[in-house]
Amino acid sequence: MATSEYVPQPARYAIFVDAGYLYAASGALLLGCGSRREYRVAAEKLIKALTDHADEQRRGELLRVYWFDAAPRRQPTVDQRVIANLPLVKLRLGNLNAQGQQKGVDAQLRADLEALARHRAITDAVLLAGDEDMLPAVEAAQRYGVRVHLWGVEPTHGSNQAEWLVWESDTVEVLPAEFLRPYFTKAKVLPVPAPGSAAAVRDAAAAAQRTSPVPSPSQVFAGRPPA
Protein backbone atom coordinates (compact mmCIF):
# COMPACT_ATOMS: atom_id res chain seq x y z
CA MET A 1 0.00 0.00 0.00
CA ALA A 2 1.39 3.36 -1.00
CA THR A 3 2.07 5.81 1.76
CA SER A 4 2.36 9.56 1.46
CA GLU A 5 5.73 10.96 2.43
CA TYR A 6 5.78 14.05 4.60
CA VAL A 7 7.62 16.91 2.92
CA PRO A 8 9.00 19.40 5.45
CA GLN A 9 7.84 22.95 4.92
CA PRO A 10 10.71 25.21 3.85
CA ALA A 11 11.62 27.87 6.38
CA ARG A 12 10.09 31.18 5.37
CA TYR A 13 9.15 34.26 7.36
CA ALA A 14 7.26 37.52 6.96
CA ILE A 15 7.62 40.80 8.83
CA PHE A 16 4.50 42.58 10.08
CA VAL A 17 5.00 46.21 11.11
CA ASP A 18 2.45 48.35 12.93
CA ALA A 19 3.84 51.68 11.70
CA GLY A 20 1.66 53.65 14.11
CA TYR A 21 3.29 51.93 17.08
CA LEU A 22 6.80 52.03 15.59
CA TYR A 23 6.65 55.75 14.77
CA ALA A 24 4.97 56.87 18.00
CA ALA A 25 7.27 54.87 20.28
CA SER A 26 10.41 55.90 18.36
CA GLY A 27 9.42 59.57 18.19
CA ALA A 28 8.88 59.65 21.94
CA LEU A 29 12.09 57.76 22.70
CA LEU A 30 14.46 59.56 20.35
CA LEU A 31 13.04 63.07 20.03
CA GLY A 32 10.50 63.52 22.81
CA CYS A 33 7.81 64.09 20.17
CA GLY A 34 4.16 63.18 20.56
CA SER A 35 2.99 63.86 17.00
CA ARG A 36 4.20 62.48 13.68
CA ARG A 37 4.17 66.03 12.29
CA GLU A 38 7.10 66.85 14.57
CA TYR A 39 9.62 64.48 12.97
CA ARG A 40 10.66 62.92 9.68
CA VAL A 41 11.34 59.24 9.02
CA ALA A 42 13.70 57.77 6.44
CA ALA A 43 11.24 54.91 5.91
CA GLU A 44 13.01 53.20 3.03
CA LYS A 45 16.28 52.97 4.98
CA LEU A 46 14.42 51.93 8.12
CA ILE A 47 12.68 49.06 6.34
CA LYS A 48 16.03 47.94 4.90
CA ALA A 49 17.53 47.95 8.42
CA LEU A 50 14.61 45.90 9.77
CA THR A 51 14.85 43.30 6.99
CA ASP A 52 18.62 43.03 7.41
CA HIS A 53 18.20 42.54 11.16
CA ALA A 54 15.59 39.83 10.63
CA ASP A 55 17.81 38.11 8.07
CA GLU A 56 20.58 37.87 10.67
CA GLN A 57 18.27 36.12 13.12
CA ARG A 58 15.74 34.09 11.16
CA ARG A 59 16.37 30.90 9.26
CA GLY A 60 14.96 30.73 5.74
CA GLU A 61 13.90 33.34 3.22
CA LEU A 62 11.87 36.51 3.59
CA LEU A 63 8.45 36.26 1.98
CA ARG A 64 7.70 39.98 2.26
CA VAL A 65 7.23 42.92 4.64
CA TYR A 66 3.67 43.96 5.52
CA TRP A 67 3.54 47.63 6.47
CA PHE A 68 0.35 48.65 8.30
CA ASP A 69 -0.43 52.35 8.58
CA ALA A 70 -3.36 54.75 8.31
CA ALA A 71 -4.29 57.86 6.34
CA PRO A 72 -7.36 60.12 6.15
CA ARG A 73 -9.93 58.44 3.89
CA ARG A 74 -7.24 55.83 3.13
CA GLN A 75 -5.54 58.23 0.71
CA PRO A 76 -1.79 57.49 0.93
CA THR A 77 0.65 60.26 1.71
CA VAL A 78 3.79 60.90 -0.33
CA ASP A 79 5.86 58.85 2.14
CA GLN A 80 3.36 55.99 2.05
CA ARG A 81 3.47 55.95 -1.75
CA VAL A 82 7.24 55.56 -1.59
CA ILE A 83 6.84 52.60 0.78
CA ALA A 84 4.22 51.00 -1.47
CA ASN A 85 6.70 51.00 -4.38
CA LEU A 86 9.45 49.18 -2.48
CA PRO A 87 10.16 45.57 -3.55
CA LEU A 88 8.79 42.84 -1.27
CA VAL A 89 6.79 45.41 0.72
CA LYS A 90 3.01 45.46 0.96
CA LEU A 91 1.38 48.68 2.20
CA ARG A 92 -1.86 48.12 4.10
CA LEU A 93 -3.78 51.30 4.90
CA GLY A 94 -6.49 51.81 7.47
CA ASN A 95 -8.43 55.01 7.98
CA LEU A 96 -7.16 57.88 10.14
CA ASN A 97 -10.10 59.73 11.69
CA ALA A 98 -10.33 63.38 12.74
CA GLN A 99 -9.13 62.50 16.26
CA GLY A 100 -5.94 60.93 14.88
CA GLN A 101 -7.09 57.38 15.68
CA GLN A 102 -6.32 54.45 13.38
CA LYS A 103 -9.29 52.38 12.27
CA GLY A 104 -9.10 49.00 10.54
CA VAL A 105 -5.33 48.52 10.89
CA ASP A 106 -5.49 45.74 13.51
CA ALA A 107 -8.11 43.83 11.51
CA GLN A 108 -5.96 43.90 8.36
CA LEU A 109 -2.91 42.66 10.25
CA ARG A 110 -4.87 39.83 11.83
CA ALA A 111 -6.30 38.81 8.45
CA ASP A 112 -2.92 38.71 6.70
CA LEU A 113 -1.10 36.90 9.49
CA GLU A 114 -3.81 34.28 9.91
CA ALA A 115 -4.15 33.70 6.14
CA LEU A 116 -0.42 33.17 5.66
CA ALA A 117 -0.31 30.78 8.60
CA ARG A 118 -3.38 28.85 7.47
CA HIS A 119 -1.99 28.35 3.95
CA ARG A 120 1.42 27.36 5.31
CA ALA A 121 3.06 30.22 3.45
CA ILE A 122 5.33 31.01 6.42
CA THR A 123 6.93 29.15 9.31
CA ASP A 124 7.80 32.28 11.32
CA ALA A 125 6.35 35.75 11.74
CA VAL A 126 8.21 38.81 12.99
CA LEU A 127 5.68 41.17 14.56
CA LEU A 128 6.69 44.74 15.37
CA ALA A 129 3.76 45.97 17.44
CA GLY A 130 2.63 46.70 20.97
CA ASP A 131 -1.17 46.74 21.06
CA GLU A 132 -3.06 43.98 22.86
CA ASP A 133 -5.45 43.90 19.89
CA MET A 134 -2.73 41.94 18.06
CA LEU A 135 -3.13 39.04 20.50
CA PRO A 136 -5.83 37.17 18.50
CA ALA A 137 -3.59 37.26 15.42
CA VAL A 138 -0.70 35.78 17.37
CA GLU A 139 -2.88 33.04 18.84
CA ALA A 140 -4.40 32.19 15.45
CA ALA A 141 -1.00 31.95 13.75
CA GLN A 142 0.37 29.75 16.50
CA ARG A 143 -2.57 27.34 16.16
CA TYR A 144 -1.35 26.73 12.59
CA GLY A 145 2.19 26.06 13.80
CA VAL A 146 3.75 29.46 13.08
CA ARG A 147 6.31 30.82 15.53
CA VAL A 148 5.73 34.50 16.37
CA HIS A 149 8.71 36.68 17.23
CA LEU A 150 7.66 39.95 18.85
CA TRP A 151 9.79 43.07 18.35
CA GLY A 152 9.32 46.25 20.31
CA VAL A 153 10.81 49.72 20.62
CA GLU A 154 12.87 50.56 23.68
CA PRO A 155 10.41 52.31 26.04
CA THR A 156 11.04 55.68 27.62
CA HIS A 157 9.97 54.10 30.91
CA GLY A 158 8.12 50.96 31.95
CA SER A 159 6.81 49.08 28.91
CA ASN A 160 5.11 50.20 25.70
CA GLN A 161 3.81 46.74 24.80
CA ALA A 162 0.80 44.90 26.18
CA GLU A 163 1.77 42.33 28.79
CA TRP A 164 -0.39 39.57 27.33
CA LEU A 165 1.10 40.13 23.87
CA VAL A 166 4.59 39.72 25.30
CA TRP A 167 3.62 36.57 27.20
CA GLU A 168 1.99 34.91 24.19
CA SER A 169 4.84 35.51 21.71
CA ASP A 170 7.45 32.80 21.18
CA THR A 171 10.42 35.18 21.41
CA VAL A 172 10.66 38.85 22.34
CA GLU A 173 13.25 41.45 21.35
CA VAL A 174 13.46 45.17 22.08
CA LEU A 175 15.05 47.38 19.42
CA PRO A 176 17.36 49.85 21.18
CA ALA A 177 17.52 53.59 20.55
CA GLU A 178 20.89 53.21 18.80
CA PHE A 179 19.30 50.96 16.17
CA LEU A 180 16.48 53.40 15.38
CA ARG A 181 18.23 56.77 15.78
CA PRO A 182 19.67 57.09 12.24
CA TYR A 183 16.19 57.05 10.69
CA PHE A 184 14.37 59.69 12.77
CA THR A 185 15.03 63.45 12.62
CA LYS A 186 13.24 66.45 14.06
CA ALA A 187 11.13 68.33 11.53
CA LYS A 188 12.32 71.83 10.66
CA VAL A 189 10.05 74.59 11.97
CA LEU A 190 9.80 77.70 9.81
CA PRO A 191 10.53 80.85 11.84
CA VAL A 192 7.67 83.31 12.40
CA PRO A 193 8.70 86.95 11.73
CA ALA A 194 8.78 89.04 14.89
CA PRO A 195 6.48 92.10 15.04
CA GLY A 196 8.28 95.16 13.71
CA SER A 197 10.89 93.17 11.78
CA ALA A 198 11.58 93.95 8.14
CA ALA A 199 9.86 90.73 7.04
CA ALA A 200 6.78 91.52 9.13
CA VAL A 201 6.61 95.06 7.68
CA ARG A 202 6.84 93.70 4.13
CA ASP A 203 4.14 91.11 4.84
CA ALA A 204 1.84 93.76 6.34
CA ALA A 205 2.37 96.11 3.39
CA ALA A 206 1.64 93.33 0.92
CA ALA A 207 -1.52 92.37 2.80
CA ALA A 208 -2.70 96.01 2.87
CA GLN A 209 -2.11 96.34 -0.85
CA ARG A 210 -4.16 93.23 -1.55
CA THR A 211 -7.12 94.49 0.48
CA SER A 212 -7.06 98.19 -0.59
CA PRO A 213 -9.88 99.12 -3.00
CA VAL A 214 -8.84 100.09 -6.52
CA PRO A 215 -10.16 103.55 -7.57
CA SER A 216 -12.37 103.75 -10.62
CA PRO A 217 -11.34 105.98 -13.55
CA SER A 218 -14.10 108.50 -12.72
CA GLN A 219 -12.78 108.83 -9.17
CA VAL A 220 -9.25 109.40 -10.39
CA PHE A 221 -10.21 112.16 -12.84
CA ALA A 222 -12.56 113.79 -10.33
CA GLY A 223 -9.86 113.77 -7.69
CA ARG A 224 -12.11 111.86 -5.32
CA PRO A 225 -10.60 109.21 -3.08
CA PRO A 226 -11.91 105.65 -3.44
CA ALA A 227 -14.84 104.72 -1.15
C-alpha atoms as a PDB file:
ATOM      1  CA  MET A   1       0.000   0.000   0.000  1.00  0.00           C
ATOM      2  CA  ALA A   2       1.393   3.362  -1.002  1.00  0.00           C
ATOM      3  CA  THR A   3       2.065   5.808   1.764  1.00  0.00           C
ATOM      4  CA  SER A   4       2.359   9.556   1.462  1.00  0.00           C
ATOM      5  CA  GLU A   5       5.731  10.957   2.430  1.00  0.00           C
ATOM      6  CA  TYR A   6       5.778  14.055   4.603  1.00  0.00           C
ATOM      7  CA  VAL A   7       7.618  16.908   2.924  1.00  0.00           C
ATOM      8  CA  PRO A   8       8.996  19.404   5.454  1.00  0.00           C
ATOM      9  CA  GLN A   9       7.838  22.953   4.923  1.00  0.00           C
ATOM     10  CA  PRO A  10      10.715  25.210   3.854  1.00  0.00           C
ATOM     11  CA  ALA A  11      11.617  27.872   6.377  1.00  0.00           C
ATOM     12  CA  ARG A  12      10.087  31.183   5.367  1.00  0.00           C
ATOM     13  CA  TYR A  13       9.154  34.257   7.362  1.00  0.00           C
ATOM     14  CA  ALA A  14       7.264  37.519   6.956  1.00  0.00           C
ATOM     15  CA  ILE A  15       7.618  40.800   8.826  1.00  0.00           C
ATOM     16  CA  PHE A  16       4.497  42.582  10.076  1.00  0.00           C
ATOM     17  CA  VAL A  17       5.000  46.214  11.106  1.00  0.00           C
ATOM     18  CA  ASP A  18       2.451  48.348  12.928  1.00  0.00           C
ATOM     19  CA  ALA A  19       3.841  51.681  11.699  1.00  0.00           C
ATOM     20  CA  GLY A  20       1.657  53.652  14.113  1.00  0.00           C
ATOM     21  CA  TYR A  21       3.294  51.934  17.083  1.00  0.00           C
ATOM     22  CA  LEU A  22       6.802  52.033  15.593  1.00  0.00           C
ATOM     23  CA  TYR A  23       6.650  55.748  14.775  1.00  0.00           C
ATOM     24  CA  ALA A  24       4.966  56.867  17.998  1.00  0.00           C
ATOM     25  CA  ALA A  25       7.268  54.871  20.276  1.00  0.00           C
ATOM     26  CA  SER A  26      10.408  55.902  18.362  1.00  0.00           C
ATOM     27  CA  GLY A  27       9.417  59.565  18.187  1.00  0.00           C
ATOM     28  CA  ALA A  28       8.877  59.652  21.940  1.00  0.00           C
ATOM     29  CA  LEU A  29      12.090  57.764  22.695  1.00  0.00           C
ATOM     30  CA  LEU A  30      14.461  59.564  20.346  1.00  0.00           C
ATOM     31  CA  LEU A  31      13.041  63.074  20.035  1.00  0.00           C
ATOM     32  CA  GLY A  32      10.495  63.519  22.808  1.00  0.00           C
ATOM     33  CA  CYS A  33       7.805  64.089  20.174  1.00  0.00           C
ATOM     34  CA  GLY A  34       4.160  63.180  20.564  1.00  0.00           C
ATOM     35  CA  SER A  35       2.988  63.856  16.996  1.00  0.00           C
ATOM     36  CA  ARG A  36       4.195  62.481  13.682  1.00  0.00           C
ATOM     37  CA  ARG A  37       4.175  66.033  12.293  1.00  0.00           C
ATOM     38  CA  GLU A  38       7.103  66.849  14.575  1.00  0.00           C
ATOM     39  CA  TYR A  39       9.617  64.481  12.965  1.00  0.00           C
ATOM     40  CA  ARG A  40      10.665  62.916   9.677  1.00  0.00           C
ATOM     41  CA  VAL A  41      11.344  59.239   9.021  1.00  0.00           C
ATOM     42  CA  ALA A  42      13.699  57.766   6.439  1.00  0.00           C
ATOM     43  CA  ALA A  43      11.240  54.913   5.911  1.00  0.00           C
ATOM     44  CA  GLU A  44      13.013  53.202   3.026  1.00  0.00           C
ATOM     45  CA  LYS A  45      16.278  52.972   4.984  1.00  0.00           C
ATOM     46  CA  LEU A  46      14.421  51.934   8.120  1.00  0.00           C
ATOM     47  CA  ILE A  47      12.683  49.056   6.337  1.00  0.00           C
ATOM     48  CA  LYS A  48      16.032  47.941   4.904  1.00  0.00           C
ATOM     49  CA  ALA A  49      17.530  47.950   8.417  1.00  0.00           C
ATOM     50  CA  LEU A  50      14.612  45.896   9.773  1.00  0.00           C
ATOM     51  CA  THR A  51      14.846  43.302   6.994  1.00  0.00           C
ATOM     52  CA  ASP A  52      18.619  43.027   7.411  1.00  0.00           C
ATOM     53  CA  HIS A  53      18.195  42.545  11.159  1.00  0.00           C
ATOM     54  CA  ALA A  54      15.589  39.833  10.631  1.00  0.00           C
ATOM     55  CA  ASP A  55      17.808  38.110   8.073  1.00  0.00           C
ATOM     56  CA  GLU A  56      20.578  37.869  10.667  1.00  0.00           C
ATOM     57  CA  GLN A  57      18.267  36.119  13.123  1.00  0.00           C
ATOM     58  CA  ARG A  58      15.742  34.087  11.157  1.00  0.00           C
ATOM     59  CA  ARG A  59      16.375  30.901   9.256  1.00  0.00           C
ATOM     60  CA  GLY A  60      14.958  30.731   5.738  1.00  0.00           C
ATOM     61  CA  GLU A  61      13.897  33.338   3.217  1.00  0.00           C
ATOM     62  CA  LEU A  62      11.869  36.507   3.594  1.00  0.00           C
ATOM     63  CA  LEU A  63       8.447  36.262   1.981  1.00  0.00           C
ATOM     64  CA  ARG A  64       7.703  39.985   2.257  1.00  0.00           C
ATOM     65  CA  VAL A  65       7.231  42.917   4.639  1.00  0.00           C
ATOM     66  CA  TYR A  66       3.666  43.960   5.518  1.00  0.00           C
ATOM     67  CA  TRP A  67       3.538  47.633   6.472  1.00  0.00           C
ATOM     68  CA  PHE A  68       0.351  48.650   8.301  1.00  0.00           C
ATOM     69  CA  ASP A  69      -0.431  52.352   8.580  1.00  0.00           C
ATOM     70  CA  ALA A  70      -3.362  54.753   8.314  1.00  0.00           C
ATOM     71  CA  ALA A  71      -4.288  57.863   6.337  1.00  0.00           C
ATOM     72  CA  PRO A  72      -7.359  60.115   6.150  1.00  0.00           C
ATOM     73  CA  ARG A  73      -9.928  58.436   3.890  1.00  0.00           C
ATOM     74  CA  ARG A  74      -7.237  55.826   3.127  1.00  0.00           C
ATOM     75  CA  GLN A  75      -5.541  58.226   0.710  1.00  0.00           C
ATOM     76  CA  PRO A  76      -1.790  57.489   0.930  1.00  0.00           C
ATOM     77  CA  THR A  77       0.650  60.261   1.714  1.00  0.00           C
ATOM     78  CA  VAL A  78       3.788  60.898  -0.331  1.00  0.00           C
ATOM     79  CA  ASP A  79       5.863  58.852   2.139  1.00  0.00           C
ATOM     80  CA  GLN A  80       3.361  55.992   2.050  1.00  0.00           C
ATOM     81  CA  ARG A  81       3.467  55.950  -1.748  1.00  0.00           C
ATOM     82  CA  VAL A  82       7.243  55.560  -1.586  1.00  0.00           C
ATOM     83  CA  ILE A  83       6.840  52.604   0.778  1.00  0.00           C
ATOM     84  CA  ALA A  84       4.218  50.998  -1.472  1.00  0.00           C
ATOM     85  CA  ASN A  85       6.699  50.998  -4.384  1.00  0.00           C
ATOM     86  CA  LEU A  86       9.446  49.178  -2.482  1.00  0.00           C
ATOM     87  CA  PRO A  87      10.161  45.575  -3.548  1.00  0.00           C
ATOM     88  CA  LEU A  88       8.795  42.839  -1.271  1.00  0.00           C
ATOM     89  CA  VAL A  89       6.794  45.414   0.724  1.00  0.00           C
ATOM     90  CA  LYS A  90       3.006  45.458   0.961  1.00  0.00           C
ATOM     91  CA  LEU A  91       1.385  48.680   2.195  1.00  0.00           C
ATOM     92  CA  ARG A  92      -1.858  48.123   4.099  1.00  0.00           C
ATOM     93  CA  LEU A  93      -3.783  51.298   4.900  1.00  0.00           C
ATOM     94  CA  GLY A  94      -6.490  51.808   7.472  1.00  0.00           C
ATOM     95  CA  ASN A  95      -8.434  55.012   7.983  1.00  0.00           C
ATOM     96  CA  LEU A  96      -7.157  57.879  10.138  1.00  0.00           C
ATOM     97  CA  ASN A  97     -10.102  59.726  11.688  1.00  0.00           C
ATOM     98  CA  ALA A  98     -10.328  63.377  12.742  1.00  0.00           C
ATOM     99  CA  GLN A  99      -9.130  62.501  16.256  1.00  0.00           C
ATOM    100  CA  GLY A 100      -5.939  60.929  14.882  1.00  0.00           C
ATOM    101  CA  GLN A 101      -7.091  57.375  15.677  1.00  0.00           C
ATOM    102  CA  GLN A 102      -6.325  54.448  13.380  1.00  0.00           C
ATOM    103  CA  LYS A 103      -9.294  52.377  12.269  1.00  0.00           C
ATOM    104  CA  GLY A 104      -9.096  48.998  10.543  1.00  0.00           C
ATOM    105  CA  VAL A 105      -5.334  48.516  10.894  1.00  0.00           C
ATOM    106  CA  ASP A 106      -5.494  45.737  13.509  1.00  0.00           C
ATOM    107  CA  ALA A 107      -8.107  43.828  11.510  1.00  0.00           C
ATOM    108  CA  GLN A 108      -5.962  43.900   8.364  1.00  0.00           C
ATOM    109  CA  LEU A 109      -2.913  42.660  10.247  1.00  0.00           C
ATOM    110  CA  ARG A 110      -4.870  39.826  11.833  1.00  0.00           C
ATOM    111  CA  ALA A 111      -6.296  38.808   8.451  1.00  0.00           C
ATOM    112  CA  ASP A 112      -2.918  38.711   6.696  1.00  0.00           C
ATOM    113  CA  LEU A 113      -1.095  36.898   9.489  1.00  0.00           C
ATOM    114  CA  GLU A 114      -3.806  34.277   9.908  1.00  0.00           C
ATOM    115  CA  ALA A 115      -4.154  33.702   6.145  1.00  0.00           C
ATOM    116  CA  LEU A 116      -0.418  33.165   5.655  1.00  0.00           C
ATOM    117  CA  ALA A 117      -0.308  30.784   8.604  1.00  0.00           C
ATOM    118  CA  ARG A 118      -3.385  28.848   7.470  1.00  0.00           C
ATOM    119  CA  HIS A 119      -1.994  28.349   3.953  1.00  0.00           C
ATOM    120  CA  ARG A 120       1.419  27.360   5.313  1.00  0.00           C
ATOM    121  CA  ALA A 121       3.058  30.222   3.449  1.00  0.00           C
ATOM    122  CA  ILE A 122       5.328  31.009   6.420  1.00  0.00           C
ATOM    123  CA  THR A 123       6.930  29.148   9.305  1.00  0.00           C
ATOM    124  CA  ASP A 124       7.804  32.276  11.315  1.00  0.00           C
ATOM    125  CA  ALA A 125       6.347  35.754  11.740  1.00  0.00           C
ATOM    126  CA  VAL A 126       8.208  38.805  12.992  1.00  0.00           C
ATOM    127  CA  LEU A 127       5.675  41.172  14.564  1.00  0.00           C
ATOM    128  CA  LEU A 128       6.689  44.745  15.368  1.00  0.00           C
ATOM    129  CA  ALA A 129       3.764  45.971  17.444  1.00  0.00           C
ATOM    130  CA  GLY A 130       2.629  46.702  20.970  1.00  0.00           C
ATOM    131  CA  ASP A 131      -1.171  46.740  21.057  1.00  0.00           C
ATOM    132  CA  GLU A 132      -3.063  43.976  22.862  1.00  0.00           C
ATOM    133  CA  ASP A 133      -5.450  43.901  19.887  1.00  0.00           C
ATOM    134  CA  MET A 134      -2.733  41.937  18.065  1.00  0.00           C
ATOM    135  CA  LEU A 135      -3.130  39.044  20.499  1.00  0.00           C
ATOM    136  CA  PRO A 136      -5.834  37.169  18.497  1.00  0.00           C
ATOM    137  CA  ALA A 137      -3.589  37.262  15.418  1.00  0.00           C
ATOM    138  CA  VAL A 138      -0.699  35.778  17.374  1.00  0.00           C
ATOM    139  CA  GLU A 139      -2.881  33.041  18.839  1.00  0.00           C
ATOM    140  CA  ALA A 140      -4.400  32.187  15.446  1.00  0.00           C
ATOM    141  CA  ALA A 141      -1.000  31.951  13.747  1.00  0.00           C
ATOM    142  CA  GLN A 142       0.374  29.746  16.499  1.00  0.00           C
ATOM    143  CA  ARG A 143      -2.569  27.344  16.156  1.00  0.00           C
ATOM    144  CA  TYR A 144      -1.349  26.729  12.587  1.00  0.00           C
ATOM    145  CA  GLY A 145       2.186  26.059  13.803  1.00  0.00           C
ATOM    146  CA  VAL A 146       3.755  29.456  13.076  1.00  0.00           C
ATOM    147  CA  ARG A 147       6.306  30.819  15.534  1.00  0.00           C
ATOM    148  CA  VAL A 148       5.731  34.498  16.365  1.00  0.00           C
ATOM    149  CA  HIS A 149       8.712  36.683  17.226  1.00  0.00           C
ATOM    150  CA  LEU A 150       7.663  39.954  18.848  1.00  0.00           C
ATOM    151  CA  TRP A 151       9.787  43.068  18.349  1.00  0.00           C
ATOM    152  CA  GLY A 152       9.316  46.255  20.309  1.00  0.00           C
ATOM    153  CA  VAL A 153      10.811  49.721  20.620  1.00  0.00           C
ATOM    154  CA  GLU A 154      12.871  50.556  23.681  1.00  0.00           C
ATOM    155  CA  PRO A 155      10.406  52.307  26.041  1.00  0.00           C
ATOM    156  CA  THR A 156      11.044  55.678  27.618  1.00  0.00           C
ATOM    157  CA  HIS A 157       9.966  54.100  30.905  1.00  0.00           C
ATOM    158  CA  GLY A 158       8.121  50.958  31.951  1.00  0.00           C
ATOM    159  CA  SER A 159       6.809  49.081  28.905  1.00  0.00           C
ATOM    160  CA  ASN A 160       5.110  50.198  25.696  1.00  0.00           C
ATOM    161  CA  GLN A 161       3.808  46.740  24.797  1.00  0.00           C
ATOM    162  CA  ALA A 162       0.799  44.903  26.175  1.00  0.00           C
ATOM    163  CA  GLU A 163       1.774  42.331  28.790  1.00  0.00           C
ATOM    164  CA  TRP A 164      -0.387  39.567  27.328  1.00  0.00           C
ATOM    165  CA  LEU A 165       1.097  40.133  23.870  1.00  0.00           C
ATOM    166  CA  VAL A 166       4.591  39.722  25.301  1.00  0.00           C
ATOM    167  CA  TRP A 167       3.615  36.568  27.197  1.00  0.00           C
ATOM    168  CA  GLU A 168       1.991  34.914  24.192  1.00  0.00           C
ATOM    169  CA  SER A 169       4.837  35.507  21.714  1.00  0.00           C
ATOM    170  CA  ASP A 170       7.452  32.795  21.184  1.00  0.00           C
ATOM    171  CA  THR A 171      10.419  35.178  21.411  1.00  0.00           C
ATOM    172  CA  VAL A 172      10.661  38.853  22.343  1.00  0.00           C
ATOM    173  CA  GLU A 173      13.248  41.447  21.345  1.00  0.00           C
ATOM    174  CA  VAL A 174      13.456  45.172  22.080  1.00  0.00           C
ATOM    175  CA  LEU A 175      15.045  47.376  19.423  1.00  0.00           C
ATOM    176  CA  PRO A 176      17.361  49.855  21.185  1.00  0.00           C
ATOM    177  CA  ALA A 177      17.520  53.586  20.555  1.00  0.00           C
ATOM    178  CA  GLU A 178      20.887  53.210  18.803  1.00  0.00           C
ATOM    179  CA  PHE A 179      19.304  50.960  16.172  1.00  0.00           C
ATOM    180  CA  LEU A 180      16.481  53.403  15.383  1.00  0.00           C
ATOM    181  CA  ARG A 181      18.229  56.767  15.781  1.00  0.00           C
ATOM    182  CA  PRO A 182      19.669  57.093  12.241  1.00  0.00           C
ATOM    183  CA  TYR A 183      16.192  57.047  10.692  1.00  0.00           C
ATOM    184  CA  PHE A 184      14.368  59.694  12.766  1.00  0.00           C
ATOM    185  CA  THR A 185      15.028  63.452  12.616  1.00  0.00           C
ATOM    186  CA  LYS A 186      13.236  66.449  14.055  1.00  0.00           C
ATOM    187  CA  ALA A 187      11.126  68.331  11.525  1.00  0.00           C
ATOM    188  CA  LYS A 188      12.320  71.832  10.656  1.00  0.00           C
ATOM    189  CA  VAL A 189      10.055  74.587  11.970  1.00  0.00           C
ATOM    190  CA  LEU A 190       9.803  77.697   9.812  1.00  0.00           C
ATOM    191  CA  PRO A 191      10.526  80.850  11.837  1.00  0.00           C
ATOM    192  CA  VAL A 192       7.670  83.313  12.404  1.00  0.00           C
ATOM    193  CA  PRO A 193       8.703  86.949  11.728  1.00  0.00           C
ATOM    194  CA  ALA A 194       8.779  89.035  14.895  1.00  0.00           C
ATOM    195  CA  PRO A 195       6.484  92.105  15.041  1.00  0.00           C
ATOM    196  CA  GLY A 196       8.285  95.165  13.715  1.00  0.00           C
ATOM    197  CA  SER A 197      10.885  93.173  11.776  1.00  0.00           C
ATOM    198  CA  ALA A 198      11.580  93.948   8.139  1.00  0.00           C
ATOM    199  CA  ALA A 199       9.856  90.735   7.044  1.00  0.00           C
ATOM    200  CA  ALA A 200       6.778  91.523   9.129  1.00  0.00           C
ATOM    201  CA  VAL A 201       6.607  95.064   7.676  1.00  0.00           C
ATOM    202  CA  ARG A 202       6.837  93.704   4.128  1.00  0.00           C
ATOM    203  CA  ASP A 203       4.136  91.114   4.838  1.00  0.00           C
ATOM    204  CA  ALA A 204       1.838  93.761   6.344  1.00  0.00           C
ATOM    205  CA  ALA A 205       2.372  96.110   3.386  1.00  0.00           C
ATOM    206  CA  ALA A 206       1.641  93.330   0.916  1.00  0.00           C
ATOM    207  CA  ALA A 207      -1.525  92.371   2.799  1.00  0.00           C
ATOM    208  CA  ALA A 208      -2.703  96.009   2.871  1.00  0.00           C
ATOM    209  CA  GLN A 209      -2.106  96.339  -0.850  1.00  0.00           C
ATOM    210  CA  ARG A 210      -4.157  93.235  -1.554  1.00  0.00           C
ATOM    211  CA  THR A 211      -7.116  94.489   0.482  1.00  0.00           C
ATOM    212  CA  SER A 212      -7.059  98.193  -0.591  1.00  0.00           C
ATOM    213  CA  PRO A 213      -9.882  99.118  -3.001  1.00  0.00           C
ATOM    214  CA  VAL A 214      -8.845 100.089  -6.525  1.00  0.00           C
ATOM    215  CA  PRO A 215     -10.164 103.548  -7.574  1.00  0.00           C
ATOM    216  CA  SER A 216     -12.368 103.751 -10.617  1.00  0.00           C
ATOM    217  CA  PRO A 217     -11.338 105.981 -13.547  1.00  0.00           C
ATOM    218  CA  SER A 218     -14.102 108.501 -12.721  1.00  0.00           C
ATOM    219  CA  GLN A 219     -12.783 108.829  -9.165  1.00  0.00           C
ATOM    220  CA  VAL A 220      -9.250 109.397 -10.388  1.00  0.00           C
ATOM    221  CA  PHE A 221     -10.214 112.157 -12.835  1.00  0.00           C
ATOM    222  CA  ALA A 222     -12.556 113.785 -10.330  1.00  0.00           C
ATOM    223  CA  GLY A 223      -9.857 113.773  -7.693  1.00  0.00           C
ATOM    224  CA  ARG A 224     -12.115 111.862  -5.324  1.00  0.00           C
ATOM    225  CA  PRO A 225     -10.601 109.206  -3.075  1.00  0.00           C
ATOM    226  CA  PRO A 226     -11.914 105.654  -3.443  1.00  0.00           C
ATOM    227  CA  ALA A 227     -14.843 104.718  -1.152  1.00  0.00           C
END
